[in-house]
């Protein structure tokens, strides 16, 4: 639903990759840009 600091999504992406999957995209309803969560997700769409 939301990206704030990006910690949960970065961890989730790590799990996908640990299992051999590839994260094609991350989609959210809302983003709180001031918390810079995208920085933790650099390299992901």
ModelCIF file with pLDDT and N, C-alpha, C, O atoms, coordinates in Angstrom:
data_MODEL
#
_entry.id   MODEL 
#
_entity.id                         1 
_entity.type                       polymer 
_entity.pdbx_number_of_molecules   1 
#
_entity_poly.entity_id                      1 
_entity_poly.type                           'polypeptide(L)' 
_entity_poly.nstd_linkage                   no 
_entity_poly.nstd_monomer                   no 
_entity_poly.pdbx_seq_one_letter_code       
;(UNK)(UNK)(UNK)(UNK)(UNK)(UNK)(UNK)(UNK)(UNK)(UNK)(UNK)(UNK)(UNK)(UNK)(UNK)(UNK)
(UNK)(UNK)(UNK)(UNK)(UNK)(UNK)(UNK)(UNK)(UNK)(UNK)(UNK)(UNK)(UNK)(UNK)(UNK)(UNK)
(UNK)(UNK)(UNK)(UNK)(UNK)(UNK)(UNK)(UNK)(UNK)(UNK)(UNK)(UNK)(UNK)
;
_entity_poly.pdbx_seq_one_letter_code_can   XXXXXXXXXXXXXXXXXXXXXXXXXXXXXXXXXXXXXXXXXXXXX 
_entity_poly.pdbx_strand_id                 A 
#
loop_
_entity_poly_seq.entity_id 
_entity_poly_seq.num 
_entity_poly_seq.mon_id 
_entity_poly_seq.hetero 
1 1  UNK n 
1 2  UNK n 
1 3  UNK n 
1 4  UNK n 
1 5  UNK n 
1 6  UNK n 
1 7  UNK n 
1 8  UNK n 
1 9  UNK n 
1 10 UNK n 
1 11 UNK n 
1 12 UNK n 
1 13 UNK n 
1 14 UNK n 
1 15 UNK n 
1 16 UNK n 
1 17 UNK n 
1 18 UNK n 
1 19 UNK n 
1 20 UNK n 
1 21 UNK n 
1 22 UNK n 
1 23 UNK n 
1 24 UNK n 
1 25 UNK n 
1 26 UNK n 
1 27 UNK n 
1 28 UNK n 
1 29 UNK n 
1 30 UNK n 
1 31 UNK n 
1 32 UNK n 
1 33 UNK n 
1 34 UNK n 
1 35 UNK n 
1 36 UNK n 
1 37 UNK n 
1 38 UNK n 
1 39 UNK n 
1 40 UNK n 
1 41 UNK n 
1 42 UNK n 
1 43 UNK n 
1 44 UNK n 
1 45 UNK n 
#
_struct_asym.id          A 
_struct_asym.entity_id   1 
#
loop_
_ma_qa_metric.id 
_ma_qa_metric.mode 
_ma_qa_metric.name 
_ma_qa_metric.software_group_id 
_ma_qa_metric.type 
1 global pLDDT . pLDDT 
2 local  pLDDT . pLDDT 
#
_ma_qa_metric_global.metric_id      1 
_ma_qa_metric_global.metric_value   95.89 
_ma_qa_metric_global.model_id       1 
_ma_qa_metric_global.ordinal_id     1 
#
loop_
_ma_qa_metric_local.label_asym_id 
_ma_qa_metric_local.label_comp_id 
_ma_qa_metric_local.label_seq_id 
_ma_qa_metric_local.metric_id 
_ma_qa_metric_local.metric_value 
_ma_qa_metric_local.model_id 
_ma_qa_metric_local.ordinal_id 
A UNK 1  2 97.00 1 1  
A UNK 2  2 95.00 1 2  
A UNK 3  2 95.00 1 3  
A UNK 4  2 90.00 1 4  
A UNK 5  2 91.00 1 5  
A UNK 6  2 94.00 1 6  
A UNK 7  2 94.00 1 7  
A UNK 8  2 95.00 1 8  
A UNK 9  2 97.00 1 9  
A UNK 10 2 97.00 1 10 
A UNK 11 2 97.00 1 11 
A UNK 12 2 98.00 1 12 
A UNK 13 2 98.00 1 13 
A UNK 14 2 97.00 1 14 
A UNK 15 2 98.00 1 15 
A UNK 16 2 98.00 1 16 
A UNK 17 2 98.00 1 17 
A UNK 18 2 98.00 1 18 
A UNK 19 2 98.00 1 19 
A UNK 20 2 98.00 1 20 
A UNK 21 2 98.00 1 21 
A UNK 22 2 98.00 1 22 
A UNK 23 2 98.00 1 23 
A UNK 24 2 98.00 1 24 
A UNK 25 2 98.00 1 25 
A UNK 26 2 98.00 1 26 
A UNK 27 2 98.00 1 27 
A UNK 28 2 98.00 1 28 
A UNK 29 2 98.00 1 29 
A UNK 30 2 97.00 1 30 
A UNK 31 2 96.00 1 31 
A UNK 32 2 94.00 1 32 
A UNK 33 2 94.00 1 33 
A UNK 34 2 91.00 1 34 
A UNK 35 2 90.00 1 35 
A UNK 36 2 92.00 1 36 
A UNK 37 2 92.00 1 37 
A UNK 38 2 93.00 1 38 
A UNK 39 2 95.00 1 39 
A UNK 40 2 94.00 1 40 
A UNK 41 2 96.00 1 41 
A UNK 42 2 95.00 1 42 
A UNK 43 2 95.00 1 43 
A UNK 44 2 98.00 1 44 
A UNK 45 2 98.00 1 45 
#
loop_
_atom_site.group_PDB 
_atom_site.id 
_atom_site.type_symbol 
_atom_site.label_atom_id 
_atom_site.label_alt_id 
_atom_site.label_comp_id 
_atom_site.label_asym_id 
_atom_site.label_entity_id 
_atom_site.label_seq_id 
_atom_site.pdbx_PDB_ins_code 
_atom_site.Cartn_x 
_atom_site.Cartn_y 
_atom_site.Cartn_z 
_atom_site.occupancy 
_atom_site.B_iso_or_equiv 
_atom_site.pdbx_formal_charge 
_atom_site.auth_seq_id 
_atom_site.auth_comp_id 
_atom_site.auth_asym_id 
_atom_site.auth_atom_id 
_atom_site.pdbx_PDB_model_num 
ATOM 1   N N  . UNK A 1 1  ? 0.817  -1.211  0.000   1.00 97.00 ? 1  UNK A N  1 
ATOM 2   C CA . UNK A 1 1  ? 0.000  0.000   0.000   1.00 97.00 ? 1  UNK A CA 1 
ATOM 3   C C  . UNK A 1 1  ? 0.848  1.257   0.000   1.00 97.00 ? 1  UNK A C  1 
ATOM 4   O O  . UNK A 1 1  ? 0.452  2.280   -0.559  1.00 97.00 ? 1  UNK A O  1 
ATOM 5   N N  . UNK A 1 2  ? 2.033  1.179   0.637   1.00 95.00 ? 2  UNK A N  1 
ATOM 6   C CA . UNK A 1 2  ? 2.782  2.396   0.913   1.00 95.00 ? 2  UNK A CA 1 
ATOM 7   C C  . UNK A 1 2  ? 4.269  2.108   0.958   1.00 95.00 ? 2  UNK A C  1 
ATOM 8   O O  . UNK A 1 2  ? 4.688  1.060   1.448   1.00 95.00 ? 2  UNK A O  1 
ATOM 9   N N  . UNK A 1 3  ? 5.060  3.026   0.455   1.00 95.00 ? 3  UNK A N  1 
ATOM 10  C CA . UNK A 1 3  ? 6.501  2.995   0.692   1.00 95.00 ? 3  UNK A CA 1 
ATOM 11  C C  . UNK A 1 3  ? 6.841  4.212   1.544   1.00 95.00 ? 3  UNK A C  1 
ATOM 12  O O  . UNK A 1 3  ? 6.541  5.354   1.193   1.00 95.00 ? 3  UNK A O  1 
ATOM 13  N N  . UNK A 1 4  ? 7.471  3.928   2.666   1.00 90.00 ? 4  UNK A N  1 
ATOM 14  C CA . UNK A 1 4  ? 7.956  4.992   3.547   1.00 90.00 ? 4  UNK A CA 1 
ATOM 15  C C  . UNK A 1 4  ? 9.480  4.938   3.510   1.00 90.00 ? 4  UNK A C  1 
ATOM 16  O O  . UNK A 1 4  ? 10.097 5.585   2.663   1.00 90.00 ? 4  UNK A O  1 
ATOM 17  N N  . UNK A 1 5  ? 10.095 4.177   4.414   1.00 91.00 ? 5  UNK A N  1 
ATOM 18  C CA . UNK A 1 5  ? 11.557 4.081   4.427   1.00 91.00 ? 5  UNK A CA 1 
ATOM 19  C C  . UNK A 1 5  ? 12.089 3.001   3.497   1.00 91.00 ? 5  UNK A C  1 
ATOM 20  O O  . UNK A 1 5  ? 13.286 2.973   3.211   1.00 91.00 ? 5  UNK A O  1 
ATOM 21  N N  . UNK A 1 6  ? 11.218 2.109   3.017   1.00 94.00 ? 6  UNK A N  1 
ATOM 22  C CA . UNK A 1 6  ? 11.615 1.089   2.049   1.00 94.00 ? 6  UNK A CA 1 
ATOM 23  C C  . UNK A 1 6  ? 12.133 -0.204  2.643   1.00 94.00 ? 6  UNK A C  1 
ATOM 24  O O  . UNK A 1 6  ? 12.461 -1.128  1.899   1.00 94.00 ? 6  UNK A O  1 
ATOM 25  N N  . UNK A 1 7  ? 12.215 -0.298  3.958   1.00 94.00 ? 7  UNK A N  1 
ATOM 26  C CA . UNK A 1 7  ? 12.776 -1.480  4.595   1.00 94.00 ? 7  UNK A CA 1 
ATOM 27  C C  . UNK A 1 7  ? 12.030 -2.770  4.315   1.00 94.00 ? 7  UNK A C  1 
ATOM 28  O O  . UNK A 1 7  ? 12.651 -3.785  4.001   1.00 94.00 ? 7  UNK A O  1 
ATOM 29  N N  . UNK A 1 8  ? 10.718 -2.749  4.423   1.00 95.00 ? 8  UNK A N  1 
ATOM 30  C CA . UNK A 1 8  ? 9.928  -3.956  4.192   1.00 95.00 ? 8  UNK A CA 1 
ATOM 31  C C  . UNK A 1 8  ? 10.069 -4.425  2.749   1.00 95.00 ? 8  UNK A C  1 
ATOM 32  O O  . UNK A 1 8  ? 10.272 -5.612  2.494   1.00 95.00 ? 8  UNK A O  1 
ATOM 33  N N  . UNK A 1 9  ? 9.961  -3.500  1.814   1.00 97.00 ? 9  UNK A N  1 
ATOM 34  C CA . UNK A 1 9  ? 10.041 -3.869  0.401   1.00 97.00 ? 9  UNK A CA 1 
ATOM 35  C C  . UNK A 1 9  ? 11.437 -4.343  0.010   1.00 97.00 ? 9  UNK A C  1 
ATOM 36  O O  . UNK A 1 9  ? 11.571 -5.257  -0.803  1.00 97.00 ? 9  UNK A O  1 
ATOM 37  N N  . UNK A 1 10 ? 12.474 -3.735  0.577   1.00 97.00 ? 10 UNK A N  1 
ATOM 38  C CA . UNK A 1 10 ? 13.834 -4.195  0.296   1.00 97.00 ? 10 UNK A CA 1 
ATOM 39  C C  . UNK A 1 10 ? 14.016 -5.622  0.814   1.00 97.00 ? 10 UNK A C  1 
ATOM 40  O O  . UNK A 1 10 ? 14.634 -6.452  0.147   1.00 97.00 ? 10 UNK A O  1 
ATOM 41  N N  . UNK A 1 11 ? 13.483 -5.905  1.994   1.00 97.00 ? 11 UNK A N  1 
ATOM 42  C CA . UNK A 1 11 ? 13.565 -7.258  2.554   1.00 97.00 ? 11 UNK A CA 1 
ATOM 43  C C  . UNK A 1 11 ? 12.769 -8.245  1.699   1.00 97.00 ? 11 UNK A C  1 
ATOM 44  O O  . UNK A 1 11 ? 13.226 -9.361  1.448   1.00 97.00 ? 11 UNK A O  1 
ATOM 45  N N  . UNK A 1 12 ? 11.585 -7.837  1.256   1.00 98.00 ? 12 UNK A N  1 
ATOM 46  C CA . UNK A 1 12 ? 10.756 -8.694  0.407   1.00 98.00 ? 12 UNK A CA 1 
ATOM 47  C C  . UNK A 1 12 ? 11.462 -8.997  -0.917  1.00 98.00 ? 12 UNK A C  1 
ATOM 48  O O  . UNK A 1 12 ? 11.446 -10.137 -1.381  1.00 98.00 ? 12 UNK A O  1 
ATOM 49  N N  . UNK A 1 13 ? 12.071 -7.994  -1.517  1.00 98.00 ? 13 UNK A N  1 
ATOM 50  C CA . UNK A 1 13 ? 12.814 -8.204  -2.765  1.00 98.00 ? 13 UNK A CA 1 
ATOM 51  C C  . UNK A 1 13 ? 13.963 -9.182  -2.533  1.00 98.00 ? 13 UNK A C  1 
ATOM 52  O O  . UNK A 1 13 ? 14.241 -10.037 -3.374  1.00 98.00 ? 13 UNK A O  1 
ATOM 53  N N  . UNK A 1 14 ? 14.619 -9.051  -1.398  1.00 97.00 ? 14 UNK A N  1 
ATOM 54  C CA . UNK A 1 14 ? 15.699 -9.966  -1.058  1.00 97.00 ? 14 UNK A CA 1 
ATOM 55  C C  . UNK A 1 14 ? 15.232 -11.405 -0.946  1.00 97.00 ? 14 UNK A C  1 
ATOM 56  O O  . UNK A 1 14 ? 15.946 -12.322 -1.351  1.00 97.00 ? 14 UNK A O  1 
ATOM 57  N N  . UNK A 1 15 ? 14.038 -11.612 -0.399  1.00 98.00 ? 15 UNK A N  1 
ATOM 58  C CA . UNK A 1 15 ? 13.482 -12.965 -0.297  1.00 98.00 ? 15 UNK A CA 1 
ATOM 59  C C  . UNK A 1 15 ? 13.209 -13.546 -1.680  1.00 98.00 ? 15 UNK A C  1 
ATOM 60  O O  . UNK A 1 15 ? 13.540 -14.700 -1.951  1.00 98.00 ? 15 UNK A O  1 
ATOM 61  N N  . UNK A 1 16 ? 12.609 -12.751 -2.544  1.00 98.00 ? 16 UNK A N  1 
ATOM 62  C CA . UNK A 1 16 ? 12.323 -13.196 -3.911  1.00 98.00 ? 16 UNK A CA 1 
ATOM 63  C C  . UNK A 1 16 ? 13.623 -13.634 -4.585  1.00 98.00 ? 16 UNK A C  1 
ATOM 64  O O  . UNK A 1 16 ? 13.685 -14.699 -5.199  1.00 98.00 ? 16 UNK A O  1 
ATOM 65  N N  . UNK A 1 17 ? 14.635 -12.820 -4.468  1.00 98.00 ? 17 UNK A N  1 
ATOM 66  C CA . UNK A 1 17 ? 15.915 -13.115 -5.109  1.00 98.00 ? 17 UNK A CA 1 
ATOM 67  C C  . UNK A 1 17 ? 16.615 -14.315 -4.470  1.00 98.00 ? 17 UNK A C  1 
ATOM 68  O O  . UNK A 1 17 ? 17.285 -15.080 -5.163  1.00 98.00 ? 17 UNK A O  1 
ATOM 69  N N  . UNK A 1 18 ? 16.468 -14.481 -3.184  1.00 98.00 ? 18 UNK A N  1 
ATOM 70  C CA . UNK A 1 18 ? 17.055 -15.632 -2.481  1.00 98.00 ? 18 UNK A CA 1 
ATOM 71  C C  . UNK A 1 18 ? 16.483 -16.937 -3.031  1.00 98.00 ? 18 UNK A C  1 
ATOM 72  O O  . UNK A 1 18 ? 17.167 -17.960 -3.067  1.00 98.00 ? 18 UNK A O  1 
ATOM 73  N N  . UNK A 1 19 ? 15.228 -16.887 -3.456  1.00 98.00 ? 19 UNK A N  1 
ATOM 74  C CA . UNK A 1 19 ? 14.568 -18.073 -4.018  1.00 98.00 ? 19 UNK A CA 1 
ATOM 75  C C  . UNK A 1 19 ? 14.803 -18.206 -5.526  1.00 98.00 ? 19 UNK A C  1 
ATOM 76  O O  . UNK A 1 19 ? 14.296 -19.140 -6.146  1.00 98.00 ? 19 UNK A O  1 
ATOM 77  N N  . UNK A 1 20 ? 15.560 -17.289 -6.119  1.00 98.00 ? 20 UNK A N  1 
ATOM 78  C CA . UNK A 1 20 ? 15.877 -17.383 -7.538  1.00 98.00 ? 20 UNK A CA 1 
ATOM 79  C C  . UNK A 1 20 ? 14.941 -16.624 -8.445  1.00 98.00 ? 20 UNK A C  1 
ATOM 80  O O  . UNK A 1 20 ? 15.048 -16.727 -9.667  1.00 98.00 ? 20 UNK A O  1 
ATOM 81  N N  . UNK A 1 21 ? 14.017 -15.857 -7.871  1.00 98.00 ? 21 UNK A N  1 
ATOM 82  C CA . UNK A 1 21 ? 13.108 -15.042 -8.679  1.00 98.00 ? 21 UNK A CA 1 
ATOM 83  C C  . UNK A 1 21 ? 13.736 -13.716 -9.028  1.00 98.00 ? 21 UNK A C  1 
ATOM 84  O O  . UNK A 1 21 ? 14.776 -13.338 -8.489  1.00 98.00 ? 21 UNK A O  1 
ATOM 85  N N  . UNK A 1 22 ? 13.079 -13.005 -9.954  1.00 98.00 ? 22 UNK A N  1 
ATOM 86  C CA . UNK A 1 22 ? 13.532 -11.671 -10.358 1.00 98.00 ? 22 UNK A CA 1 
ATOM 87  C C  . UNK A 1 22 ? 12.397 -10.686 -10.121 1.00 98.00 ? 22 UNK A C  1 
ATOM 88  O O  . UNK A 1 22 ? 11.278 -10.889 -10.591 1.00 98.00 ? 22 UNK A O  1 
ATOM 89  N N  . UNK A 1 23 ? 12.692 -9.626  -9.394  1.00 98.00 ? 23 UNK A N  1 
ATOM 90  C CA . UNK A 1 23 ? 11.692 -8.588  -9.147  1.00 98.00 ? 23 UNK A CA 1 
ATOM 91  C C  . UNK A 1 23 ? 11.606 -7.715  -10.394 1.00 98.00 ? 23 UNK A C  1 
ATOM 92  O O  . UNK A 1 23 ? 12.538 -6.975  -10.712 1.00 98.00 ? 23 UNK A O  1 
ATOM 93  N N  . UNK A 1 24 ? 10.489 -7.808  -11.088 1.00 98.00 ? 24 UNK A N  1 
ATOM 94  C CA . UNK A 1 24 ? 10.278 -7.028  -12.315 1.00 98.00 ? 24 UNK A CA 1 
ATOM 95  C C  . UNK A 1 24 ? 9.808  -5.616  -12.020 1.00 98.00 ? 24 UNK A C  1 
ATOM 96  O O  . UNK A 1 24 ? 10.167 -4.675  -12.728 1.00 98.00 ? 24 UNK A O  1 
ATOM 97  N N  . UNK A 1 25 ? 9.001  -5.465  -10.972 1.00 98.00 ? 25 UNK A N  1 
ATOM 98  C CA . UNK A 1 25 ? 8.472  -4.145  -10.644 1.00 98.00 ? 25 UNK A CA 1 
ATOM 99  C C  . UNK A 1 25 ? 7.947  -4.179  -9.214  1.00 98.00 ? 25 UNK A C  1 
ATOM 100 O O  . UNK A 1 25 ? 7.548  -5.226  -8.704  1.00 98.00 ? 25 UNK A O  1 
ATOM 101 N N  . UNK A 1 26 ? 7.957  -3.021  -8.589  1.00 98.00 ? 26 UNK A N  1 
ATOM 102 C CA . UNK A 1 26 ? 7.351  -2.827  -7.273  1.00 98.00 ? 26 UNK A CA 1 
ATOM 103 C C  . UNK A 1 26 ? 6.294  -1.752  -7.451  1.00 98.00 ? 26 UNK A C  1 
ATOM 104 O O  . UNK A 1 26 ? 6.596  -0.647  -7.901  1.00 98.00 ? 26 UNK A O  1 
ATOM 105 N N  . UNK A 1 27 ? 5.041  -2.073  -7.096  1.00 98.00 ? 27 UNK A N  1 
ATOM 106 C CA . UNK A 1 27 ? 3.970  -1.089  -7.237  1.00 98.00 ? 27 UNK A CA 1 
ATOM 107 C C  . UNK A 1 27 ? 3.318  -0.819  -5.884  1.00 98.00 ? 27 UNK A C  1 
ATOM 108 O O  . UNK A 1 27 ? 3.180  -1.700  -5.036  1.00 98.00 ? 27 UNK A O  1 
ATOM 109 N N  . UNK A 1 28 ? 2.924  0.442   -5.728  1.00 98.00 ? 28 UNK A N  1 
ATOM 110 C CA . UNK A 1 28 ? 2.367  0.910   -4.465  1.00 98.00 ? 28 UNK A CA 1 
ATOM 111 C C  . UNK A 1 28 ? 1.219  1.858   -4.735  1.00 98.00 ? 28 UNK A C  1 
ATOM 112 O O  . UNK A 1 28 ? 1.149  2.493   -5.788  1.00 98.00 ? 28 UNK A O  1 
ATOM 113 N N  . UNK A 1 29 ? 0.333  1.944   -3.780  1.00 98.00 ? 29 UNK A N  1 
ATOM 114 C CA . UNK A 1 29 ? -0.713 2.951   -3.885  1.00 98.00 ? 29 UNK A CA 1 
ATOM 115 C C  . UNK A 1 29 ? -0.134 4.330   -3.557  1.00 98.00 ? 29 UNK A C  1 
ATOM 116 O O  . UNK A 1 29 ? -0.407 5.304   -4.260  1.00 98.00 ? 29 UNK A O  1 
ATOM 117 N N  . UNK A 1 30 ? 0.675  4.412   -2.475  1.00 97.00 ? 30 UNK A N  1 
ATOM 118 C CA . UNK A 1 30 ? 1.175  5.698   -2.011  1.00 97.00 ? 30 UNK A CA 1 
ATOM 119 C C  . UNK A 1 30 ? 2.672  5.641   -1.739  1.00 97.00 ? 30 UNK A C  1 
ATOM 120 O O  . UNK A 1 30 ? 3.225  4.596   -1.396  1.00 97.00 ? 30 UNK A O  1 
ATOM 121 N N  . UNK A 1 31 ? 3.306  6.792   -1.904  1.00 96.00 ? 31 UNK A N  1 
ATOM 122 C CA . UNK A 1 31 ? 4.720  6.943   -1.593  1.00 96.00 ? 31 UNK A CA 1 
ATOM 123 C C  . UNK A 1 31 ? 4.915  8.210   -0.776  1.00 96.00 ? 31 UNK A C  1 
ATOM 124 O O  . UNK A 1 31 ? 4.418  9.279   -1.133  1.00 96.00 ? 31 UNK A O  1 
ATOM 125 N N  . UNK A 1 32 ? 5.643  8.077   0.323   1.00 94.00 ? 32 UNK A N  1 
ATOM 126 C CA . UNK A 1 32 ? 6.036  9.231   1.128   1.00 94.00 ? 32 UNK A CA 1 
ATOM 127 C C  . UNK A 1 32 ? 7.470  9.573   0.744   1.00 94.00 ? 32 UNK A C  1 
ATOM 128 O O  . UNK A 1 32 ? 8.421  9.079   1.350   1.00 94.00 ? 32 UNK A O  1 
ATOM 129 N N  . UNK A 1 33 ? 7.616  10.420  -0.265  1.00 94.00 ? 33 UNK A N  1 
ATOM 130 C CA . UNK A 1 33 ? 8.923  10.690  -0.870  1.00 94.00 ? 33 UNK A CA 1 
ATOM 131 C C  . UNK A 1 33 ? 9.927  11.266  0.114   1.00 94.00 ? 33 UNK A C  1 
ATOM 132 O O  . UNK A 1 33 ? 11.127 11.025  -0.014  1.00 94.00 ? 33 UNK A O  1 
ATOM 133 N N  . UNK A 1 34 ? 9.452  12.022  1.091   1.00 91.00 ? 34 UNK A N  1 
ATOM 134 C CA . UNK A 1 34 ? 10.343 12.644  2.061   1.00 91.00 ? 34 UNK A CA 1 
ATOM 135 C C  . UNK A 1 34 ? 11.100 11.657  2.926   1.00 91.00 ? 34 UNK A C  1 
ATOM 136 O O  . UNK A 1 34 ? 12.102 12.022  3.541   1.00 91.00 ? 34 UNK A O  1 
ATOM 137 N N  . UNK A 1 35 ? 10.643 10.409  2.988   1.00 90.00 ? 35 UNK A N  1 
ATOM 138 C CA . UNK A 1 35 ? 11.327 9.389   3.798   1.00 90.00 ? 35 UNK A CA 1 
ATOM 139 C C  . UNK A 1 35 ? 12.362 8.611   2.990   1.00 90.00 ? 35 UNK A C  1 
ATOM 140 O O  . UNK A 1 35 ? 13.052 7.748   3.532   1.00 90.00 ? 35 UNK A O  1 
ATOM 141 N N  . UNK A 1 36 ? 12.472 8.914   1.701   1.00 92.00 ? 36 UNK A N  1 
ATOM 142 C CA . UNK A 1 36 ? 13.531 8.398   0.824   1.00 92.00 ? 36 UNK A CA 1 
ATOM 143 C C  . UNK A 1 36 ? 13.589 6.876   0.714   1.00 92.00 ? 36 UNK A C  1 
ATOM 144 O O  . UNK A 1 36 ? 14.673 6.301   0.620   1.00 92.00 ? 36 UNK A O  1 
ATOM 145 N N  . UNK A 1 37 ? 12.429 6.225   0.727   1.00 92.00 ? 37 UNK A N  1 
ATOM 146 C CA . UNK A 1 37 ? 12.382 4.779   0.588   1.00 92.00 ? 37 UNK A CA 1 
ATOM 147 C C  . UNK A 1 37 ? 12.918 4.264   -0.733  1.00 92.00 ? 37 UNK A C  1 
ATOM 148 O O  . UNK A 1 37 ? 13.435 3.150   -0.806  1.00 92.00 ? 37 UNK A O  1 
ATOM 149 N N  . UNK A 1 38 ? 12.797 5.065   -1.773  1.00 93.00 ? 38 UNK A N  1 
ATOM 150 C CA . UNK A 1 38 ? 13.321 4.649   -3.086  1.00 93.00 ? 38 UNK A CA 1 
ATOM 151 C C  . UNK A 1 38 ? 14.823 4.422   -3.052  1.00 93.00 ? 38 UNK A C  1 
ATOM 152 O O  . UNK A 1 38 ? 15.349 3.613   -3.817  1.00 93.00 ? 38 UNK A O  1 
ATOM 153 N N  . UNK A 1 39 ? 15.512 5.129   -2.173  1.00 95.00 ? 39 UNK A N  1 
ATOM 154 C CA . UNK A 1 39 ? 16.959 4.951   -2.085  1.00 95.00 ? 39 UNK A CA 1 
ATOM 155 C C  . UNK A 1 39 ? 17.318 3.518   -1.696  1.00 95.00 ? 39 UNK A C  1 
ATOM 156 O O  . UNK A 1 39 ? 18.305 2.970   -2.187  1.00 95.00 ? 39 UNK A O  1 
ATOM 157 N N  . UNK A 1 40 ? 16.517 2.907   -0.814  1.00 94.00 ? 40 UNK A N  1 
ATOM 158 C CA . UNK A 1 40 ? 16.753 1.505   -0.426  1.00 94.00 ? 40 UNK A CA 1 
ATOM 159 C C  . UNK A 1 40 ? 16.400 0.558   -1.560  1.00 94.00 ? 40 UNK A C  1 
ATOM 160 O O  . UNK A 1 40 ? 16.818 -0.600  -1.553  1.00 94.00 ? 40 UNK A O  1 
ATOM 161 N N  . UNK A 1 41 ? 15.641 1.033   -2.526  1.00 96.00 ? 41 UNK A N  1 
ATOM 162 C CA . UNK A 1 41 ? 15.182 0.189   -3.631  1.00 96.00 ? 41 UNK A CA 1 
ATOM 163 C C  . UNK A 1 41 ? 15.857 0.573   -4.948  1.00 96.00 ? 41 UNK A C  1 
ATOM 164 O O  . UNK A 1 41 ? 15.338 0.286   -6.026  1.00 96.00 ? 41 UNK A O  1 
ATOM 165 N N  . UNK A 1 42 ? 17.005 1.216   -4.851  1.00 95.00 ? 42 UNK A N  1 
ATOM 166 C CA . UNK A 1 42 ? 17.756 1.582   -6.052  1.00 95.00 ? 42 UNK A CA 1 
ATOM 167 C C  . UNK A 1 42 ? 18.021 0.311   -6.862  1.00 95.00 ? 42 UNK A C  1 
ATOM 168 O O  . UNK A 1 42 ? 18.399 -0.721  -6.307  1.00 95.00 ? 42 UNK A O  1 
ATOM 169 N N  . UNK A 1 43 ? 17.822 0.396   -8.151  1.00 95.00 ? 43 UNK A N  1 
ATOM 170 C CA . UNK A 1 43 ? 18.014 -0.773  -9.007  1.00 95.00 ? 43 UNK A CA 1 
ATOM 171 C C  . UNK A 1 43 ? 16.713 -1.502  -9.316  1.00 95.00 ? 43 UNK A C  1 
ATOM 172 O O  . UNK A 1 43 ? 16.690 -2.381  -10.178 1.00 95.00 ? 43 UNK A O  1 
ATOM 173 N N  . UNK A 1 44 ? 15.639 -1.154  -8.631  1.00 98.00 ? 44 UNK A N  1 
ATOM 174 C CA . UNK A 1 44 ? 14.325 -1.744  -8.909  1.00 98.00 ? 44 UNK A CA 1 
ATOM 175 C C  . UNK A 1 44 ? 13.447 -0.705  -9.594  1.00 98.00 ? 44 UNK A C  1 
ATOM 176 O O  . UNK A 1 44 ? 13.603 0.498   -9.387  1.00 98.00 ? 44 UNK A O  1 
ATOM 177 N N  . UNK A 1 45 ? 12.521 -1.194  -10.413 1.00 98.00 ? 45 UNK A N  1 
ATOM 178 C CA . UNK A 1 45 ? 11.521 -0.342  -11.052 1.00 98.00 ? 45 UNK A CA 1 
ATOM 179 C C  . UNK A 1 45 ? 10.386 -0.155  -10.050 1.00 98.00 ? 45 UNK A C  1 
ATOM 180 O O  . UNK A 1 45 ? 9.407  0.530   -10.347 1.00 98.00 ? 45 UNK A O  1 
#
